[in-house]
Amino acid sequence: MMYRLTSWLAAALMLFSIQATAASLSDIQVSNGDRQARITISFIGEPEYSFTPQGKRILALDIKQTGVLQG
């Protein structure tokens, strides 16, 4: 019984520590110039991401998000 309780407690602590280190999106800013646009994405915490260039005009950005965005 004690082993089962210890296992559940360890699993719960790991779950909460993973959620505490997840990044949260805090701001998106877009500025357009004559020849280029700049998009700035700000996070609270360190985000997990990857990006793939898909030609001269397209860039795919994949950001791991664990919560619901509202705005």
N, C-alpha and C. Protein backbone atom coordinates (compact mmCIF):
# COMPACT_ATOMS: atom_id res chain seq x y z
N MET A 1 0.82 -1.20 0.00
CA MET A 1 0.00 0.00 0.00
C MET A 1 0.86 1.25 0.00
N MET A 2 1.91 1.26 0.81
CA MET A 2 2.79 2.42 0.90
C MET A 2 3.51 2.65 -0.43
N TYR A 3 3.90 1.56 -1.11
CA TYR A 3 4.57 1.68 -2.40
C TYR A 3 3.65 2.34 -3.43
N ARG A 4 2.38 1.93 -3.43
CA ARG A 4 1.41 2.49 -4.38
C ARG A 4 1.21 3.99 -4.12
N LEU A 5 1.11 4.37 -2.86
CA LEU A 5 0.93 5.78 -2.50
C LEU A 5 2.16 6.60 -2.90
N THR A 6 3.34 6.04 -2.67
CA THR A 6 4.58 6.73 -3.05
C THR A 6 4.68 6.89 -4.56
N SER A 7 4.27 5.86 -5.30
CA SER A 7 4.30 5.94 -6.77
C SER A 7 3.36 7.02 -7.28
N TRP A 8 2.14 7.09 -6.73
CA TRP A 8 1.18 8.12 -7.15
C TRP A 8 1.68 9.52 -6.81
N LEU A 9 2.28 9.66 -5.65
CA LEU A 9 2.81 10.96 -5.25
C LEU A 9 3.94 11.40 -6.17
N ALA A 10 4.83 10.48 -6.51
CA ALA A 10 5.94 10.80 -7.42
C ALA A 10 5.40 11.18 -8.80
N ALA A 11 4.40 10.45 -9.29
CA ALA A 11 3.82 10.77 -10.60
C ALA A 11 3.14 12.14 -10.59
N ALA A 12 2.43 12.46 -9.52
CA ALA A 12 1.77 13.77 -9.42
C ALA A 12 2.78 14.90 -9.37
N LEU A 13 3.86 14.72 -8.62
CA LEU A 13 4.89 15.76 -8.56
C LEU A 13 5.55 15.98 -9.91
N MET A 14 5.80 14.89 -10.65
CA MET A 14 6.40 15.04 -11.98
C MET A 14 5.45 15.77 -12.91
N LEU A 15 4.16 15.46 -12.84
CA LEU A 15 3.18 16.13 -13.69
C LEU A 15 3.13 17.62 -13.41
N PHE A 16 3.10 18.01 -12.14
CA PHE A 16 3.05 19.43 -11.80
C PHE A 16 4.34 20.14 -12.15
N SER A 17 5.48 19.48 -12.03
CA SER A 17 6.74 20.13 -12.38
C SER A 17 6.85 20.33 -13.88
N ILE A 18 6.30 19.42 -14.67
CA ILE A 18 6.29 19.60 -16.13
C ILE A 18 5.41 20.78 -16.49
N GLN A 19 4.23 20.90 -15.89
CA GLN A 19 3.35 22.02 -16.17
C GLN A 19 3.97 23.35 -15.74
N ALA A 20 4.73 23.36 -14.67
CA ALA A 20 5.32 24.60 -14.17
C ALA A 20 6.41 25.11 -15.10
N THR A 21 7.06 24.22 -15.84
CA THR A 21 8.14 24.66 -16.73
C THR A 21 7.65 24.93 -18.15
N ALA A 22 6.38 24.72 -18.44
CA ALA A 22 5.86 24.97 -19.77
C ALA A 22 5.83 26.46 -20.06
N ALA A 23 6.08 26.82 -21.31
CA ALA A 23 6.08 28.22 -21.70
C ALA A 23 4.65 28.69 -21.97
N SER A 24 4.38 29.95 -21.67
CA SER A 24 3.08 30.56 -21.95
C SER A 24 3.28 31.72 -22.92
N LEU A 25 2.46 31.76 -23.94
CA LEU A 25 2.50 32.86 -24.90
C LEU A 25 2.04 34.13 -24.22
N SER A 26 2.86 35.19 -24.28
CA SER A 26 2.49 36.43 -23.60
C SER A 26 2.18 37.58 -24.55
N ASP A 27 2.75 37.58 -25.77
CA ASP A 27 2.53 38.71 -26.67
C ASP A 27 2.92 38.34 -28.09
N ILE A 28 2.20 38.89 -29.06
CA ILE A 28 2.55 38.79 -30.47
C ILE A 28 2.52 40.20 -31.04
N GLN A 29 3.61 40.61 -31.69
CA GLN A 29 3.67 41.92 -32.34
C GLN A 29 4.02 41.73 -33.81
N VAL A 30 3.35 42.49 -34.67
CA VAL A 30 3.60 42.44 -36.11
C VAL A 30 3.91 43.84 -36.59
N SER A 31 5.03 44.00 -37.30
CA SER A 31 5.35 45.30 -37.90
C SER A 31 5.66 45.07 -39.37
N ASN A 32 5.03 45.87 -40.22
CA ASN A 32 5.20 45.75 -41.66
C ASN A 32 6.04 46.89 -42.19
N GLY A 33 7.06 46.56 -42.95
CA GLY A 33 7.89 47.55 -43.62
C GLY A 33 7.61 47.52 -45.11
N ASP A 34 8.36 48.30 -45.87
CA ASP A 34 8.17 48.33 -47.32
C ASP A 34 8.56 47.01 -47.98
N ARG A 35 9.63 46.38 -47.47
CA ARG A 35 10.14 45.18 -48.12
C ARG A 35 10.10 43.93 -47.24
N GLN A 36 9.73 44.09 -45.98
CA GLN A 36 9.70 42.93 -45.10
C GLN A 36 8.72 43.14 -43.95
N ALA A 37 8.32 42.06 -43.35
CA ALA A 37 7.47 42.10 -42.16
C ALA A 37 8.23 41.42 -41.03
N ARG A 38 8.00 41.88 -39.82
CA ARG A 38 8.64 41.27 -38.65
C ARG A 38 7.55 40.86 -37.67
N ILE A 39 7.61 39.61 -37.25
CA ILE A 39 6.67 39.08 -36.27
C ILE A 39 7.48 38.71 -35.04
N THR A 40 7.11 39.28 -33.89
CA THR A 40 7.79 38.99 -32.63
C THR A 40 6.82 38.25 -31.72
N ILE A 41 7.22 37.06 -31.30
CA ILE A 41 6.40 36.23 -30.41
C ILE A 41 7.12 36.15 -29.07
N SER A 42 6.46 36.58 -28.00
CA SER A 42 7.07 36.58 -26.66
C SER A 42 6.42 35.52 -25.78
N PHE A 43 7.24 34.87 -24.96
CA PHE A 43 6.78 33.82 -24.07
C PHE A 43 7.21 34.10 -22.65
N ILE A 44 6.47 33.58 -21.71
CA ILE A 44 6.90 33.51 -20.32
C ILE A 44 7.42 32.09 -20.14
N GLY A 45 8.70 31.95 -19.99
CA GLY A 45 9.33 30.63 -19.94
C GLY A 45 9.99 30.31 -21.27
N GLU A 46 10.65 29.18 -21.33
CA GLU A 46 11.39 28.76 -22.52
C GLU A 46 10.50 27.85 -23.37
N PRO A 47 10.10 28.27 -24.59
CA PRO A 47 9.22 27.44 -25.41
C PRO A 47 9.98 26.31 -26.09
N GLU A 48 9.27 25.22 -26.37
CA GLU A 48 9.79 24.16 -27.22
C GLU A 48 9.24 24.43 -28.61
N TYR A 49 10.12 24.53 -29.60
CA TYR A 49 9.66 24.87 -30.94
C TYR A 49 10.58 24.25 -31.99
N SER A 50 10.08 24.22 -33.21
CA SER A 50 10.88 23.87 -34.38
C SER A 50 10.32 24.68 -35.55
N PHE A 51 11.18 24.97 -36.52
CA PHE A 51 10.69 25.69 -37.70
C PHE A 51 11.25 25.05 -38.95
N THR A 52 10.50 25.21 -40.04
CA THR A 52 10.87 24.63 -41.31
C THR A 52 10.69 25.67 -42.40
N PRO A 53 11.77 26.09 -43.08
CA PRO A 53 11.60 26.98 -44.22
C PRO A 53 10.97 26.20 -45.38
N GLN A 54 9.94 26.78 -45.99
CA GLN A 54 9.24 26.10 -47.07
C GLN A 54 9.19 26.97 -48.31
N GLY A 55 10.29 27.55 -48.67
CA GLY A 55 10.35 28.44 -49.83
C GLY A 55 10.72 29.84 -49.39
N LYS A 56 10.76 30.77 -50.34
CA LYS A 56 11.17 32.14 -50.03
C LYS A 56 10.13 32.90 -49.22
N ARG A 57 8.86 32.56 -49.34
CA ARG A 57 7.81 33.36 -48.72
C ARG A 57 7.06 32.65 -47.59
N ILE A 58 7.41 31.40 -47.31
CA ILE A 58 6.66 30.64 -46.31
C ILE A 58 7.62 30.07 -45.27
N LEU A 59 7.23 30.19 -44.01
CA LEU A 59 7.97 29.62 -42.89
C LEU A 59 6.97 28.97 -41.95
N ALA A 60 7.14 27.69 -41.67
CA ALA A 60 6.26 26.98 -40.74
C ALA A 60 6.92 26.95 -39.37
N LEU A 61 6.20 27.40 -38.35
CA LEU A 61 6.70 27.44 -36.98
C LEU A 61 5.79 26.58 -36.12
N ASP A 62 6.35 25.54 -35.51
CA ASP A 62 5.59 24.62 -34.66
C ASP A 62 5.99 24.86 -33.22
N ILE A 63 5.04 25.34 -32.41
CA ILE A 63 5.29 25.65 -31.00
C ILE A 63 4.46 24.70 -30.15
N LYS A 64 5.13 24.00 -29.24
CA LYS A 64 4.41 23.10 -28.35
C LYS A 64 3.64 23.93 -27.33
N GLN A 65 2.33 23.78 -27.32
CA GLN A 65 1.46 24.55 -26.43
C GLN A 65 0.65 23.57 -25.59
N THR A 66 0.65 23.75 -24.29
CA THR A 66 -0.06 22.82 -23.42
C THR A 66 -1.34 23.40 -22.83
N GLY A 67 -1.67 24.64 -23.14
CA GLY A 67 -2.86 25.27 -22.58
C GLY A 67 -3.75 25.86 -23.65
N VAL A 68 -4.83 26.44 -23.23
CA VAL A 68 -5.78 27.07 -24.13
C VAL A 68 -5.42 28.54 -24.28
N LEU A 69 -5.37 29.02 -25.53
CA LEU A 69 -5.10 30.44 -25.79
C LEU A 69 -6.41 31.20 -25.82
N GLN A 70 -6.44 32.35 -25.22
CA GLN A 70 -7.61 33.22 -25.26
C GLN A 70 -7.15 34.61 -25.66
N GLY A 71 -7.98 35.30 -26.40
CA GLY A 71 -7.58 36.64 -26.78
C GLY A 71 -8.57 37.32 -27.65
